PDB file of N, CA and C in Angstrom:
ATOM      1  N   GLU A   1       0.358  10.592  10.829  1.00  0.00           N
ATOM      2  CA  GLU A   1       0.967  11.234  10.051  1.00  0.00           C
ATOM      3  C   GLU A   1       0.318  10.968   8.586  1.00  0.00           C
ATOM      4  N   ALA A   2       0.464  12.202   7.686  1.00  0.00           N
ATOM      5  CA  ALA A   2      -0.106  12.051   6.482  1.00  0.00           C
ATOM      6  C   ALA A   2       0.626  10.887   5.527  1.00  0.00           C
ATOM      7  N   PRO A   3       0.280  10.151   4.516  1.00  0.00           N
ATOM      8  CA  PRO A   3       1.004   9.181   3.834  1.00  0.00           C
ATOM      9  C   PRO A   3       1.545   9.506   2.502  1.00  0.00           C
ATOM     10  N   GLN A   4       1.218  10.998   2.228  1.00  0.00           N
ATOM     11  CA  GLN A   4       1.535  11.346   0.856  1.00  0.00           C
ATOM     12  C   GLN A   4       3.058  11.118   0.705  1.00  0.00           C
ATOM     13  N   PRO A   5       3.988  11.522   1.775  1.00  0.00           N
ATOM     14  CA  PRO A   5       5.396  11.267   1.374  1.00  0.00           C
ATOM     15  C   PRO A   5       5.792   9.962   0.954  1.00  0.00           C
ATOM     16  N   ALA A   6       5.239   8.948   2.151  1.00  0.00           N
ATOM     17  CA  ALA A   6       5.185   7.428   1.678  1.00  0.00           C
ATOM     18  C   ALA A   6       4.902   6.889   0.100  1.00  0.00           C
ATOM     19  N   LEU A   7       3.750   7.332  -0.322  1.00  0.00           N
ATOM     20  CA  LEU A   7       3.370   7.441  -1.605  1.00  0.00           C
ATOM     21  C   LEU A   7       4.506   7.674  -2.653  1.00  0.00           C
ATOM     22  N   ASP A   8       4.538   9.078  -2.727  1.00  0.00           N
ATOM     23  CA  ASP A   8       5.573   9.517  -3.533  1.00  0.00           C
ATOM     24  C   ASP A   8       6.884   8.971  -3.550  1.00  0.00           C
ATOM     25  N   ALA A   9       7.346   8.415  -2.272  1.00  0.00           N
ATOM     26  CA  ALA A   9       8.405   7.619  -2.390  1.00  0.00           C
ATOM     27  C   ALA A   9       8.513   6.274  -3.108  1.00  0.00           C
ATOM     28  N   LEU A  10       7.204   5.561  -2.588  1.00  0.00           N
ATOM     29  CA  LEU A  10       7.130   4.378  -3.180  1.00  0.00           C
ATOM     30  C   LEU A  10       6.968   4.398  -5.174  1.00  0.00           C
ATOM     31  N   LEU A  11       6.219   5.080  -5.502  1.00  0.00           N
ATOM     32  CA  LEU A  11       6.279   5.451  -6.863  1.00  0.00           C
ATOM     33  C   LEU A  11       7.557   5.553  -7.451  1.00  0.00           C
ATOM     34  N   ASP A  12       8.403   6.569  -6.826  1.00  0.00           N
ATOM     35  CA  ASP A  12       9.761   6.973  -6.968  1.00  0.00           C
ATOM     36  C   ASP A  12      10.350   5.565  -7.090  1.00  0.00           C
ATOM     37  N   ALA A  13      10.380   4.777  -5.828  1.00  0.00           N
ATOM     38  CA  ALA A  13      11.233   3.357  -5.879  1.00  0.00           C
ATOM     39  C   ALA A  13      10.627   2.831  -6.921  1.00  0.00           C
ATOM     40  N   ARG A  14       9.571   2.101  -7.207  1.00  0.00           N
ATOM     41  CA  ARG A  14       8.889   1.627  -8.251  1.00  0.00           C
ATOM     42  C   ARG A  14       9.593   1.765  -9.409  1.00  0.00           C
ATOM     43  N   GLY A  15       9.706   3.055  -9.871  1.00  0.00           N
ATOM     44  CA  GLY A  15      10.190   3.300 -11.339  1.00  0.00           C
ATOM     45  C   GLY A  15      11.637   3.132 -11.314  1.00  0.00           C
ATOM     46  N   ARG A  16      12.336   3.131 -10.146  1.00  0.00           N
ATOM     47  CA  ARG A  16      13.874   2.736  -9.908  1.00  0.00           C
ATOM     48  C   ARG A  16      14.128   1.409 -10.116  1.00  0.00           C
ATOM     49  N   VAL A  17      13.226   0.539  -9.444  1.00  0.00           N
ATOM     50  CA  VAL A  17      13.381  -0.846  -9.546  1.00  0.00           C
ATOM     51  C   VAL A  17      13.183  -1.303 -11.031  1.00  0.00           C
ATOM     52  N   GLY A  18      12.198  -0.669 -11.563  1.00  0.00           N
ATOM     53  CA  GLY A  18      11.998  -0.943 -13.191  1.00  0.00           C
ATOM     54  C   GLY A  18      13.052  -0.935 -14.064  1.00  0.00           C
ATOM     55  N   GLU A  19      13.966  -0.100 -13.377  1.00  0.00           N
ATOM     56  CA  GLU A  19      15.202   0.492 -14.444  1.00  0.00           C
ATOM     57  C   GLU A  19      16.365  -0.799 -14.284  1.00  0.00           C
ATOM     58  N   ILE A  20      16.128  -1.571 -13.275  1.00  0.00           N
ATOM     59  CA  ILE A  20      17.414  -2.461 -12.922  1.00  0.00           C
ATOM     60  C   ILE A  20      17.098  -3.502 -13.760  1.00  0.00           C
ATOM     61  N   GLU A  21      18.263  -4.012 -14.334  1.00  0.00           N
ATOM     62  CA  GLU A  21      18.208  -4.920 -15.608  1.00  0.00           C
ATOM     63  C   GLU A  21      19.409  -6.124 -15.242  1.00  0.00           C
ATOM     64  N   LEU A  22      18.750  -7.291 -14.813  1.00  0.00           N
ATOM     65  CA  LEU A  22      19.267  -8.368 -14.390  1.00  0.00           C
ATOM     66  C   LEU A  22      19.131  -9.881 -15.560  1.00  0.00           C
ATOM     67  N   GLU A  23      20.355 -10.523 -15.468  1.00  0.00           N
ATOM     68  CA  GLU A  23      19.972 -11.559 -16.364  1.00  0.00           C
ATOM     69  C   GLU A  23      18.740 -12.814 -16.348  1.00  0.00           C
ATOM     70  N   ASP A  24      17.731 -12.157 -16.954  1.00  0.00           N
ATOM     71  CA  ASP A  24      16.752 -13.655 -16.431  1.00  0.00           C
ATOM     72  C   ASP A  24      15.816 -13.378 -15.459  1.00  0.00           C
ATOM     73  N   TYR A  25      15.690 -12.106 -14.910  1.00  0.00           N
ATOM     74  CA  TYR A  25      15.184 -11.453 -13.779  1.00  0.00           C
ATOM     75  C   TYR A  25      14.577 -10.137 -14.060  1.00  0.00           C
ATOM     76  N   SER A  26      13.607  -9.592 -13.798  1.00  0.00           N
ATOM     77  CA  SER A  26      12.952  -8.567 -13.778  1.00  0.00           C
ATOM     78  C   SER A  26      12.200  -8.354 -12.281  1.00  0.00           C
ATOM     79  N   PRO A  27      13.189  -7.390 -11.280  1.00  0.00           N
ATOM     80  CA  PRO A  27      12.398  -7.276 -10.053  1.00  0.00           C
ATOM     81  C   PRO A  27      11.222  -6.353 -10.279  1.00  0.00           C
ATOM     82  N   GLN A  28      10.263  -6.510  -9.244  1.00  0.00           N
ATOM     83  CA  GLN A  28       9.357  -5.921  -9.062  1.00  0.00           C
ATOM     84  C   GLN A  28       8.996  -5.405  -7.557  1.00  0.00           C
ATOM     85  N   LEU A  29       8.130  -4.257  -7.609  1.00  0.00           N
ATOM     86  CA  LEU A  29       7.927  -3.915  -6.071  1.00  0.00           C
ATOM     87  C   LEU A  29       6.820  -3.392  -5.935  1.00  0.00           C
ATOM     88  N   ARG A  30       6.026  -4.185  -5.137  1.00  0.00           N
ATOM     89  CA  ARG A  30       4.500  -4.198  -4.595  1.00  0.00           C
ATOM     90  C   ARG A  30       4.624  -3.538  -3.117  1.00  0.00           C
ATOM     91  N   ALA A  31       3.559  -2.984  -2.693  1.00  0.00           N
ATOM     92  CA  ALA A  31       3.648  -2.330  -1.529  1.00  0.00           C
ATOM     93  C   ALA A  31       2.198  -2.088  -1.195  1.00  0.00           C
ATOM     94  N   SER A  32       2.326  -1.489   0.216  1.00  0.00           N
ATOM     95  CA  SER A  32       0.965  -1.155   0.899  1.00  0.00           C
ATOM     96  C   SER A  32       0.940   0.207   1.586  1.00  0.00           C
ATOM     97  N   ILE A  33      -0.008   1.047   1.645  1.00  0.00           N
ATOM     98  CA  ILE A  33      -0.053   1.855   2.847  1.00  0.00           C
ATOM     99  C   ILE A  33      -1.402   1.825   3.595  1.00  0.00           C
ATOM    100  N   HIS A  34      -1.368   1.756   4.831  1.00  0.00           N
ATOM    101  CA  HIS A  34      -2.363   2.160   5.645  1.00  0.00           C
ATOM    102  C   HIS A  34      -2.230   3.038   6.752  1.00  0.00           C
ATOM    103  N   VAL A  35      -2.802   3.980   7.196  1.00  0.00           N
ATOM    104  CA  VAL A  35      -2.430   4.715   8.319  1.00  0.00           C
ATOM    105  C   VAL A  35      -3.420   4.215   9.405  1.00  0.00           C
ATOM    106  N   GLY A  36      -3.039   4.246  10.949  1.00  0.00           N
ATOM    107  CA  GLY A  36      -3.712   4.029  12.092  1.00  0.00           C
ATOM    108  C   GLY A  36      -2.628   4.243  13.275  1.00  0.00           C
ATOM    109  N   GLN A  37      -3.398   3.382  14.448  1.00  0.00           N
ATOM    110  CA  GLN A  37      -2.738   3.672  15.681  1.00  0.00           C
ATOM    111  C   GLN A  37      -2.415   2.084  16.262  1.00  0.00           C
ATOM    112  N   PRO A  38      -1.492   1.560  16.020  1.00  0.00           N
ATOM    113  CA  PRO A  38      -0.951  -0.007  16.090  1.00  0.00           C
ATOM    114  C   PRO A  38      -0.604   0.412  17.877  1.00  0.00           C
ATOM    115  N   ARG A  39      -0.862  -0.644  18.413  1.00  0.00           N
ATOM    116  CA  ARG A  39      -0.351  -0.656  20.148  1.00  0.00           C
ATOM    117  C   ARG A  39       0.784  -1.454  20.242  1.00  0.00           C
ATOM    118  N   GLU A  40       1.714  -0.608  21.059  1.00  0.00           N
ATOM    119  CA  GLU A  40       3.242  -1.250  21.299  1.00  0.00           C
ATOM    120  C   GLU A  40       2.974  -2.269  22.227  1.00  0.00           C
ATOM    121  N   LEU A  41       3.321  -3.284  22.350  1.00  0.00           N
ATOM    122  CA  LEU A  41       3.328  -4.492  23.209  1.00  0.00           C
ATOM    123  C   LEU A  41       4.767  -5.249  23.118  1.00  0.00           C
ATOM    124  N   GLY A  42       5.513  -5.069  24.395  1.00  0.00           N
ATOM    125  CA  GLY A  42       6.805  -5.758  24.560  1.00  0.00           C
ATOM    126  C   GLY A  42       7.581  -5.249  23.416  1.00  0.00           C
ATOM    127  N   GLY A  43       7.768  -4.395  22.926  1.00  0.00           N
ATOM    128  CA  GLY A  43       8.605  -4.041  21.520  1.00  0.00           C
ATOM    129  C   GLY A  43       8.248  -4.405  20.164  1.00  0.00           C
ATOM    130  N   ASP A  44       6.814  -4.866  20.099  1.00  0.00           N
ATOM    131  CA  ASP A  44       6.369  -5.112  19.057  1.00  0.00           C
ATOM    132  C   ASP A  44       4.996  -4.439  18.730  1.00  0.00           C
ATOM    133  N   TYR A  45       4.473  -4.252  17.707  1.00  0.00           N
ATOM    134  CA  TYR A  45       3.194  -3.607  17.336  1.00  0.00           C
ATOM    135  C   TYR A  45       2.059  -4.685  17.016  1.00  0.00           C
ATOM    136  N   VAL A  46       1.115  -4.128  17.749  1.00  0.00           N
ATOM    137  CA  VAL A  46      -0.219  -5.324  17.587  1.00  0.00           C
ATOM    138  C   VAL A  46      -1.394  -4.600  17.104  1.00  0.00           C
ATOM    139  N   GLY A  47      -2.174  -5.004  16.776  1.00  0.00           N
ATOM    140  CA  GLY A  47      -3.735  -4.802  16.470  1.00  0.00           C
ATOM    141  C   GLY A  47      -4.148  -4.642  15.237  1.00  0.00           C
ATOM    142  N   VAL A  48      -5.281  -3.932  14.774  1.00  0.00           N
ATOM    143  CA  VAL A  48      -6.228  -4.302  13.462  1.00  0.00           C
ATOM    144  C   VAL A  48      -5.572  -3.436  12.918  1.00  0.00           C
ATOM    145  N   ASP A  49      -5.003  -2.374  12.901  1.00  0.00           N
ATOM    146  CA  ASP A  49      -4.315  -1.777  11.909  1.00  0.00           C
ATOM    147  C   ASP A  49      -2.687  -2.398  11.458  1.00  0.00           C
ATOM    148  N   VAL A  50      -2.445  -3.155  12.178  1.00  0.00           N
ATOM    149  CA  VAL A  50      -1.170  -3.687  11.993  1.00  0.00           C
ATOM    150  C   VAL A  50      -1.697  -4.827  10.905  1.00  0.00           C
ATOM    151  N   ASN A  51      -2.613  -5.517  11.161  1.00  0.00           N
ATOM    152  CA  ASN A  51      -3.127  -6.370  10.387  1.00  0.00           C
ATOM    153  C   ASN A  51      -3.729  -6.001   8.947  1.00  0.00           C
ATOM    154  N   VAL A  52      -4.453  -4.918   8.998  1.00  0.00           N
ATOM    155  CA  VAL A  52      -4.651  -4.396   7.652  1.00  0.00           C
ATOM    156  C   VAL A  52      -3.481  -4.127   6.857  1.00  0.00           C
ATOM    157  N   ALA A  53      -2.530  -3.240   7.477  1.00  0.00           N
ATOM    158  CA  ALA A  53      -1.411  -3.036   6.541  1.00  0.00           C
ATOM    159  C   ALA A  53      -0.606  -4.299   5.854  1.00  0.00           C
ATOM    160  N   ALA A  54      -0.484  -5.246   6.569  1.00  0.00           N
ATOM    161  CA  ALA A  54      -0.212  -6.592   6.314  1.00  0.00           C
ATOM    162  C   ALA A  54      -0.718  -7.264   5.159  1.00  0.00           C
ATOM    163  N   ARG A  55      -2.190  -7.608   5.605  1.00  0.00           N
ATOM    164  CA  ARG A  55      -2.828  -7.991   4.339  1.00  0.00           C
ATOM    165  C   ARG A  55      -2.909  -7.087   3.157  1.00  0.00           C
ATOM    166  N   LEU A  56      -2.947  -6.127   3.170  1.00  0.00           N
ATOM    167  CA  LEU A  56      -2.918  -5.233   2.116  1.00  0.00           C
ATOM    168  C   LEU A  56      -1.828  -5.734   1.110  1.00  0.00           C
ATOM    169  N   LEU A  57      -0.632  -5.642   2.027  1.00  0.00           N
ATOM    170  CA  LEU A  57       0.756  -6.064   1.226  1.00  0.00           C
ATOM    171  C   LEU A  57       0.568  -7.446   0.717  1.00  0.00           C
ATOM    172  N   GLU A  58       0.006  -8.205   1.286  1.00  0.00           N
ATOM    173  CA  GLU A  58      -0.133  -9.504   0.782  1.00  0.00           C
ATOM    174  C   GLU A  58      -0.745  -9.657  -0.336  1.00  0.00           C
ATOM    175  N   ALA A  59      -2.008  -8.899  -0.474  1.00  0.00           N
ATOM    176  CA  ALA A  59      -2.851  -8.953  -1.665  1.00  0.00           C
ATOM    177  C   ALA A  59      -2.380  -8.138  -2.749  1.00  0.00           C
ATOM    178  N   ALA A  60      -1.432  -7.306  -2.647  1.00  0.00           N
ATOM    179  CA  ALA A  60      -0.779  -6.535  -4.037  1.00  0.00           C
ATOM    180  C   ALA A  60      -0.159  -7.419  -4.703  1.00  0.00           C
ATOM    181  N   ASP A  61      -0.120  -6.946  -6.057  1.00  0.00           N
ATOM    182  CA  ASP A  61       0.297  -7.885  -7.070  1.00  0.00           C
ATOM    183  C   ASP A  61       1.593  -6.983  -7.464  1.00  0.00           C
ATOM    184  N   GLY A  62       2.449  -7.926  -8.420  1.00  0.00           N
ATOM    185  CA  GLY A  62       3.467  -7.117  -8.841  1.00  0.00           C
ATOM    186  C   GLY A  62       3.664  -5.893  -9.187  1.00  0.00           C
ATOM    187  N   GLU A  63       4.186  -4.918  -8.936  1.00  0.00           N
ATOM    188  CA  GLU A  63       4.293  -3.393  -9.565  1.00  0.00           C
ATOM    189  C   GLU A  63       2.902  -2.631  -8.899  1.00  0.00           C
ATOM    190  N   GLU A  64       2.295  -3.415  -7.994  1.00  0.00           N
ATOM    191  CA  GLU A  64       1.152  -2.418  -7.426  1.00  0.00           C
ATOM    192  C   GLU A  64       1.374  -2.091  -6.018  1.00  0.00           C
ATOM    193  N   ILE A  65       0.667  -0.939  -6.056  1.00  0.00           N
ATOM    194  CA  ILE A  65       0.838  -0.294  -4.746  1.00  0.00           C
ATOM    195  C   ILE A  65      -1.013  -0.143  -4.173  1.00  0.00           C
ATOM    196  N   LEU A  66      -1.226  -0.813  -3.155  1.00  0.00           N
ATOM    197  CA  LEU A  66      -2.312  -0.975  -2.563  1.00  0.00           C
ATOM    198  C   LEU A  66      -2.485   0.158  -1.389  1.00  0.00           C
ATOM    199  N   VAL A  67      -3.475   0.722  -1.397  1.00  0.00           N
ATOM    200  CA  VAL A  67      -3.777   1.857   0.044  1.00  0.00           C
ATOM    201  C   VAL A  67      -5.112   1.421   0.544  1.00  0.00           C
ATOM    202  N   SER A  68      -5.219   1.634   1.720  1.00  0.00           N
ATOM    203  CA  SER A  68      -6.625   1.683   2.354  1.00  0.00           C
ATOM    204  C   SER A  68      -7.395   2.726   2.166  1.00  0.00           C
ATOM    205  N   ASP A  69      -8.832   2.407   2.091  1.00  0.00           N
ATOM    206  CA  ASP A  69      -9.815   3.638   2.112  1.00  0.00           C
ATOM    207  C   ASP A  69      -9.294   4.754   3.407  1.00  0.00           C
ATOM    208  N   ARG A  70      -9.167   4.453   4.467  1.00  0.00           N
ATOM    209  CA  ARG A  70      -8.508   5.320   5.147  1.00  0.00           C
ATOM    210  C   ARG A  70      -7.085   6.271   4.970  1.00  0.00           C
ATOM    211  N   ALA A  71      -6.436   5.587   4.482  1.00  0.00           N
ATOM    212  CA  ALA A  71      -4.970   6.333   3.669  1.00  0.00           C
ATOM    213  C   ALA A  71      -5.536   7.034   2.605  1.00  0.00           C
ATOM    214  N   LEU A  72      -6.095   6.571   1.775  1.00  0.00           N
ATOM    215  CA  LEU A  72      -6.540   7.246   0.438  1.00  0.00           C
ATOM    216  C   LEU A  72      -7.344   8.461   0.534  1.00  0.00           C
ATOM    217  N   GLY A  73      -7.996   8.754   2.030  1.00  0.00           N
ATOM    218  CA  GLY A  73      -8.592  10.071   2.130  1.00  0.00           C
ATOM    219  C   GLY A  73      -7.772  11.153   2.452  1.00  0.00           C
ATOM    220  N   LEU A  74      -6.520  10.600   2.916  1.00  0.00           N
ATOM    221  CA  LEU A  74      -5.541  11.821   3.290  1.00  0.00           C
ATOM    222  C   LEU A  74      -4.452  11.909   2.135  1.00  0.00           C
ATOM    223  N   LEU A  75      -4.696  11.389   1.060  1.00  0.00           N
ATOM    224  CA  LEU A  75      -3.925  11.337  -0.024  1.00  0.00           C
ATOM    225  C   LEU A  75      -4.550  12.452  -1.251  1.00  0.00           C
ATOM    226  N   ASP A  76      -3.352  13.283  -1.935  1.00  0.00           N
ATOM    227  CA  ASP A  76      -3.884  14.209  -2.766  1.00  0.00           C
ATOM    228  C   ASP A  76      -4.451  13.186  -4.216  1.00  0.00           C
ATOM    229  N   SER A  77      -5.745  12.592  -4.133  1.00  0.00           N
ATOM    230  CA  SER A  77      -6.297  11.548  -5.074  1.00  0.00           C
ATOM    231  C   SER A  77      -6.583  12.296  -6.378  1.00  0.00           C
ATOM    232  N   ASP A  78      -6.749  13.655  -6.475  1.00  0.00           N
ATOM    233  CA  ASP A  78      -6.607  14.409  -7.864  1.00  0.00           C
ATOM    234  C   ASP A  78      -5.798  14.131  -8.811  1.00  0.00           C
ATOM    235  N   GLU A  79      -4.453  14.098  -8.216  1.00  0.00           N
ATOM    236  CA  GLU A  79      -3.373  13.598  -8.732  1.00  0.00           C
ATOM    237  C   GLU A  79      -2.763  12.300  -9.266  1.00  0.00           C
ATOM    238  N   LEU A  80      -4.042  11.417  -8.987  1.00  0.00           N
ATOM    239  CA  LEU A  80      -3.753   9.801  -8.860  1.00  0.00           C
ATOM    240  C   LEU A  80      -4.857   9.059  -9.787  1.00  0.00           C
ATOM    241  N   LYS A  81      -4.089   8.126 -10.398  1.00  0.00           N
ATOM    242  CA  LYS A  81      -5.158   6.950 -11.061  1.00  0.00           C
ATOM    243  C   LYS A  81      -5.583   6.257  -9.953  1.00  0.00           C
ATOM    244  N   VAL A  82      -7.019   5.814  -9.415  1.00  0.00           N
ATOM    245  CA  VAL A  82      -7.140   5.101  -8.630  1.00  0.00           C
ATOM    246  C   VAL A  82      -8.313   4.030  -8.993  1.00  0.00           C
ATOM    247  N   LYS A  83      -8.271   2.913  -8.691  1.00  0.00           N
ATOM    248  CA  LYS A  83      -9.174   1.777  -8.730  1.00  0.00           C
ATOM    249  C   LYS A  83      -9.340   1.129  -7.752  1.00  0.00           C
ATOM    250  N   ARG A  84     -10.819   1.043  -7.448  1.00  0.00           N
ATOM    251  CA  ARG A  84     -11.493   0.392  -6.054  1.00  0.00           C
ATOM    252  C   ARG A  84     -11.339  -1.115  -6.355  1.00  0.00           C
ATOM    253  N   ARG A  85     -11.005  -1.581  -5.263  1.00  0.00           N
ATOM    254  CA  ARG A  85     -10.768  -3.325  -5.352  1.00  0.00           C
ATOM    255  C   ARG A  85     -10.931  -3.672  -3.700  1.00  0.00           C
ATOM    256  N   ARG A  86     -12.013  -4.407  -3.687  1.00  0.00           N
ATOM    257  CA  ARG A  86     -12.814  -4.808  -2.659  1.00  0.00           C
ATOM    258  C   ARG A  86     -11.893  -5.921  -2.110  1.00  0.00           C
ATOM    259  N   MET A  87     -11.740  -6.024  -0.813  1.00  0.00           N
ATOM    260  CA  MET A  87     -11.146  -7.400  -0.187  1.00  0.00           C
ATOM    261  C   MET A  87     -11.534  -7.459   1.113  1.00  0.00           C
ATOM    262  N   ARG A  88     -11.375  -8.943   1.243  1.00  0.00           N
ATOM    263  CA  ARG A  88     -11.619  -9.194   2.493  1.00  0.00           C
ATOM    264  C   ARG A  88     -10.558 -10.255   3.178  1.00  0.00           C
ATOM    265  N   ALA A  89     -10.192 -10.185   4.209  1.00  0.00           N
ATOM    266  CA  ALA A  89      -8.906 -10.686   4.762  1.00  0.00           C
ATOM    267  C   ALA A  89      -9.032 -10.749   6.324  1.00  0.00           C
ATOM    268  N   LYS A  90      -8.668 -12.114   6.721  1.00  0.00           N
ATOM    269  CA  LYS A  90      -8.358 -12.314   7.937  1.00  0.00           C
ATOM    270  C   LYS A  90      -7.979 -11.064   8.983  1.00  0.00           C
ATOM    271  N   GLY A  91      -8.633 -10.895  10.096  1.00  0.00           N
ATOM    272  CA  GLY A  91      -8.028 -10.033  11.223  1.00  0.00           C
ATOM    273  C   GLY A  91      -8.478  -8.384  10.485  1.00  0.00           C
ATOM    274  N   THR A  92      -9.214  -8.045   9.365  1.00  0.00           N
ATOM    275  CA  THR A  92      -9.505  -7.045   9.353  1.00  0.00           C
ATOM    276  C   THR A  92     -11.056  -6.428   9.118  1.00  0.00           C
ATOM    277  N   PRO A  93     -11.242  -5.124   9.347  1.00  0.00           N
ATOM    278  CA  PRO A  93     -12.637  -4.950   9.000  1.00  0.00           C
ATOM    279  C   PRO A  93     -13.581  -5.538   7.825  1.00  0.00           C
ATOM    280  N   LYS A  94     -14.858  -5.887   8.090  1.00  0.00           N
ATOM    281  CA  LYS A  94     -15.343  -6.426   6.785  1.00  0.00           C
ATOM    282  C   LYS A  94     -15.586  -5.426   5.990  1.00  0.00           C
ATOM    283  N   ASP A  95     -15.405  -3.963   6.130  1.00  0.00           N
ATOM    284  CA  ASP A  95     -15.684  -3.103   5.230  1.00  0.00           C
ATOM    285  C   ASP A  95     -14.606  -2.579   4.481  1.00  0.00           C
ATOM    286  N   LEU A  96     -13.440  -3.353   4.750  1.00  0.00           N
ATOM    287  CA  LEU A  96     -12.292  -2.602   4.298  1.00  0.00           C
ATOM    288  C   LEU A  96     -12.451  -2.416   2.671  1.00  0.00           C
ATOM    289  N   THR A  97     -11.964  -1.572   2.095  1.00  0.00           N
ATOM    290  CA  THR A  97     -11.980  -1.420   0.888  1.00  0.00           C
ATOM    291  C   THR A  97     -10.562  -0.924   0.727  1.00  0.00           C
ATOM    292  N   ALA A  98      -9.778  -1.444  -0.460  1.00  0.00           N
ATOM    293  CA  ALA A  98      -8.415  -1.323  -0.816  1.00  0.00           C
ATOM    294  C   ALA A  98      -8.460  -0.505  -2.153  1.00  0.00           C
ATOM    295  N   TYR A  99      -7.273   0.391  -2.693  1.00  0.00           N
ATOM    296  CA  TYR A  99      -7.508   0.704  -3.809  1.00  0.00           C
ATOM    297  C   TYR A  99      -5.879   0.581  -4.386  1.00  0.00           C
ATOM    298  N   THR A 100      -6.264   0.538  -5.751  1.00  0.00           N
ATOM    299  CA  THR A 100      -4.612   0.481  -6.292  1.00  0.00           C
ATOM    300  C   THR A 100      -4.691   2.067  -6.690  1.00  0.00           C
ATOM    301  N   VAL A 101      -3.361   2.271  -6.740  1.00  0.00           N
ATOM    302  CA  VAL A 101      -2.915   3.812  -7.087  1.00  0.00           C
ATOM    303  C   VAL A 101      -1.643   4.045  -7.476  1.00  0.00           C
ATOM    304  N   ASP A 102      -1.669   4.740  -8.585  1.00  0.00           N
ATOM    305  CA  ASP A 102      -0.745   4.904  -9.731  1.00  0.00           C
ATOM    306  C   ASP A 102      -0.736   6.339 -10.037  1.00  0.00           C
ATOM    307  N   ARG A 103       0.365   6.774 -10.677  1.00  0.00           N
ATOM    308  CA  ARG A 103       0.545   7.962 -11.369  1.00  0.00           C
ATOM    309  C   ARG A 103      -0.333   7.828 -12.830  1.00  0.00           C
ATOM    310  N   PRO A 104      -0.971   9.017 -13.075  1.00  0.00           N
ATOM    311  CA  PRO A 104      -1.884   9.025 -14.562  1.00  0.00           C
ATOM    312  C   PRO A 104      -1.069   8.565 -15.650  1.00  0.00           C
ATOM    313  N   GLY A 105      -1.474   7.935 -16.569  1.00  0.00           N
ATOM    314  CA  GLY A 105      -0.887   7.960 -17.658  1.00  0.00           C
ATOM    315  C   GLY A 105       0.042   6.706 -18.212  1.00  0.00           C
TER     316      GLY A 105
END
């Protein structure tokens, strides 16, 4: 499935989380998007694509949305501010490239 609706929802949610005002606390939303074909095994999902999604999320900083190169290829990147970010993580392909995506401006 195309990741554009997921990205649109994340950008909206991140903006809404930024509006939350709590005493001595500023919540932040970090997220990742990857597309692939995980395998279902005993009611759980496993495989390289699951690892990629998890490692992208672990690598994201506060307020950051990281997407895999595969996901970026399916997004309307002309409408996005995109910054390349190399990463190496256990259980992921050696050539994995991640991108920080945001709205321009």
